[in-house]
Amino acid sequence: MGISGESLERPISGKKTLKNKVELSTQVGTRRRDVAAKRKAKKRPVPTNKRLYSQVKAEAKRKFRVYPSAYANGWLVKTYKARGGKYRMGRK
């Protein structure tokens, strides 16, 4: 027992004990796994015509100096839809 009747297991003046640090790290790890599982389950638009999509994507890579960019991807979607391509919601 400490001076004020507290046990020595409790953190003194806001310091965390090793036991508390381990508990916090396992909680954080669990949260990260939960977030990762939600990302995997999330559905997103998938092109239905793979051949047309790959052709337009190749054109975008030739047209834009930096391919994975907002401008190039916007042009890709606009051109793919203009040529009759459609998207469905799902996983790849």
C-alpha atoms as a PDB file:
ATOM      1  CA  MET A   1       0.000   0.000   0.000  1.00  0.00           C
ATOM      2  CA  GLY A   2       1.117   3.494  -0.829  1.00  0.00           C
ATOM      3  CA  ILE A   3       1.091   6.567   1.352  1.00  0.00           C
ATOM      4  CA  SER A   4      -2.526   7.470   0.607  1.00  0.00           C
ATOM      5  CA  GLY A   5      -3.780   3.866   0.850  1.00  0.00           C
ATOM      6  CA  GLU A   6      -3.508   3.123  -2.886  1.00  0.00           C
ATOM      7  CA  SER A   7      -2.040  -0.148  -4.104  1.00  0.00           C
ATOM      8  CA  LEU A   8       1.243  -0.033  -5.996  1.00  0.00           C
ATOM      9  CA  GLU A   9      -0.383  -1.631  -9.093  1.00  0.00           C
ATOM     10  CA  ARG A  10      -2.195   1.581  -9.999  1.00  0.00           C
ATOM     11  CA  PRO A  11      -0.447   4.157 -12.132  1.00  0.00           C
ATOM     12  CA  ILE A  12       1.066   6.958 -10.087  1.00  0.00           C
ATOM     13  CA  SER A  13       0.704  10.524 -11.385  1.00  0.00           C
ATOM     14  CA  GLY A  14      -0.761   9.449 -14.728  1.00  0.00           C
ATOM     15  CA  LYS A  15       1.972   6.978 -15.698  1.00  0.00           C
ATOM     16  CA  LYS A  16       0.788   3.795 -17.379  1.00  0.00           C
ATOM     17  CA  THR A  17       1.904   0.420 -16.137  1.00  0.00           C
ATOM     18  CA  LEU A  18       3.182  -2.279 -18.469  1.00  0.00           C
ATOM     19  CA  LYS A  19      -0.077  -4.204 -18.039  1.00  0.00           C
ATOM     20  CA  ASN A  20      -2.100  -1.205 -19.265  1.00  0.00           C
ATOM     21  CA  LYS A  21       0.190  -0.735 -22.281  1.00  0.00           C
ATOM     22  CA  VAL A  22      -0.269  -4.361 -23.334  1.00  0.00           C
ATOM     23  CA  GLU A  23      -4.049  -4.063 -23.003  1.00  0.00           C
ATOM     24  CA  LEU A  24      -4.063  -0.880 -25.089  1.00  0.00           C
ATOM     25  CA  SER A  25      -1.928  -2.426 -27.820  1.00  0.00           C
ATOM     26  CA  THR A  26      -4.227  -5.445 -28.123  1.00  0.00           C
ATOM     27  CA  GLN A  27      -7.253  -3.162 -28.315  1.00  0.00           C
ATOM     28  CA  VAL A  28      -5.655  -1.134 -31.100  1.00  0.00           C
ATOM     29  CA  GLY A  29      -4.745  -4.318 -32.993  1.00  0.00           C
ATOM     30  CA  THR A  30      -8.325  -5.536 -32.762  1.00  0.00           C
ATOM     31  CA  ARG A  31      -9.648  -2.240 -34.090  1.00  0.00           C
ATOM     32  CA  ARG A  32      -7.260  -2.375 -37.044  1.00  0.00           C
ATOM     33  CA  ARG A  33      -8.436  -5.874 -37.942  1.00  0.00           C
ATOM     34  CA  ASP A  34     -12.070  -4.754 -37.710  1.00  0.00           C
ATOM     35  CA  VAL A  35     -11.405  -1.815 -40.042  1.00  0.00           C
ATOM     36  CA  ALA A  36      -9.536  -4.069 -42.477  1.00  0.00           C
ATOM     37  CA  ALA A  37     -12.446  -6.526 -42.524  1.00  0.00           C
ATOM     38  CA  LYS A  38     -14.872  -3.704 -43.307  1.00  0.00           C
ATOM     39  CA  ARG A  39     -12.676  -2.555 -46.198  1.00  0.00           C
ATOM     40  CA  LYS A  40     -12.617  -6.033 -47.689  1.00  0.00           C
ATOM     41  CA  ALA A  41     -16.390  -6.354 -47.498  1.00  0.00           C
ATOM     42  CA  LYS A  42     -16.992  -2.942 -49.064  1.00  0.00           C
ATOM     43  CA  LYS A  43     -18.471  -3.124 -52.563  1.00  0.00           C
ATOM     44  CA  ARG A  44     -17.312  -0.781 -55.301  1.00  0.00           C
ATOM     45  CA  PRO A  45     -17.992  -0.218 -58.989  1.00  0.00           C
ATOM     46  CA  VAL A  46     -16.547  -2.940 -61.232  1.00  0.00           C
ATOM     47  CA  PRO A  47     -16.504  -2.584 -65.045  1.00  0.00           C
ATOM     48  CA  THR A  48     -18.716  -5.112 -66.837  1.00  0.00           C
ATOM     49  CA  ASN A  49     -16.887  -5.020 -70.197  1.00  0.00           C
ATOM     50  CA  LYS A  50     -13.289  -5.955 -69.267  1.00  0.00           C
ATOM     51  CA  ARG A  51     -11.980  -5.787 -72.840  1.00  0.00           C
ATOM     52  CA  LEU A  52     -13.269  -2.264 -73.472  1.00  0.00           C
ATOM     53  CA  TYR A  53     -12.082  -1.115 -70.046  1.00  0.00           C
ATOM     54  CA  SER A  54      -8.553  -2.392 -70.644  1.00  0.00           C
ATOM     55  CA  GLN A  55      -8.437  -0.696 -74.077  1.00  0.00           C
ATOM     56  CA  VAL A  56      -9.510   2.644 -72.638  1.00  0.00           C
ATOM     57  CA  LYS A  57      -7.094   2.209 -69.730  1.00  0.00           C
ATOM     58  CA  ALA A  58      -4.217   1.635 -72.177  1.00  0.00           C
ATOM     59  CA  GLU A  59      -5.209   4.825 -74.013  1.00  0.00           C
ATOM     60  CA  ALA A  60      -5.232   6.721 -70.724  1.00  0.00           C
ATOM     61  CA  LYS A  61      -1.725   5.472 -69.952  1.00  0.00           C
ATOM     62  CA  ARG A  62      -0.523   6.749 -73.339  1.00  0.00           C
ATOM     63  CA  LYS A  63      -2.411  10.036 -73.109  1.00  0.00           C
ATOM     64  CA  PHE A  64      -1.405  11.121 -69.577  1.00  0.00           C
ATOM     65  CA  ARG A  65       2.172  11.435 -68.385  1.00  0.00           C
ATOM     66  CA  VAL A  66       1.191  10.401 -64.838  1.00  0.00           C
ATOM     67  CA  TYR A  67      -1.306   7.583 -65.102  1.00  0.00           C
ATOM     68  CA  PRO A  68      -2.674   6.896 -61.661  1.00  0.00           C
ATOM     69  CA  SER A  69      -3.984  10.438 -61.250  1.00  0.00           C
ATOM     70  CA  ALA A  70      -7.390  11.985 -60.700  1.00  0.00           C
ATOM     71  CA  TYR A  71      -7.446  13.495 -64.191  1.00  0.00           C
ATOM     72  CA  ALA A  72      -6.487  10.238 -65.910  1.00  0.00           C
ATOM     73  CA  ASN A  73      -9.009   8.185 -63.945  1.00  0.00           C
ATOM     74  CA  GLY A  74     -11.745  10.742 -64.578  1.00  0.00           C
ATOM     75  CA  TRP A  75     -11.010  10.635 -68.307  1.00  0.00           C
ATOM     76  CA  LEU A  76     -10.976   6.836 -68.178  1.00  0.00           C
ATOM     77  CA  VAL A  77     -14.442   6.631 -66.599  1.00  0.00           C
ATOM     78  CA  LYS A  78     -15.900   9.290 -68.899  1.00  0.00           C
ATOM     79  CA  THR A  79     -14.510   7.641 -72.044  1.00  0.00           C
ATOM     80  CA  TYR A  80     -15.447   4.120 -70.935  1.00  0.00           C
ATOM     81  CA  LYS A  81     -19.051   5.169 -70.306  1.00  0.00           C
ATOM     82  CA  ALA A  82     -19.191   7.138 -73.582  1.00  0.00           C
ATOM     83  CA  ARG A  83     -18.190   4.004 -75.482  1.00  0.00           C
ATOM     84  CA  GLY A  84     -20.991   2.004 -73.881  1.00  0.00           C
ATOM     85  CA  GLY A  85     -19.276   0.559 -70.852  1.00  0.00           C
ATOM     86  CA  LYS A  86     -21.203   0.055 -67.623  1.00  0.00           C
ATOM     87  CA  TYR A  87     -20.366  -0.634 -64.011  1.00  0.00           C
ATOM     88  CA  ARG A  88     -21.866  -3.023 -61.471  1.00  0.00           C
ATOM     89  CA  MET A  89     -21.481  -2.912 -57.715  1.00  0.00           C
ATOM     90  CA  GLY A  90     -19.420  -5.765 -56.318  1.00  0.00           C
ATOM     91  CA  ARG A  91     -15.969  -7.111 -55.722  1.00  0.00           C
ATOM     92  CA  LYS A  92     -13.403  -7.691 -58.462  1.00  0.00           C
END
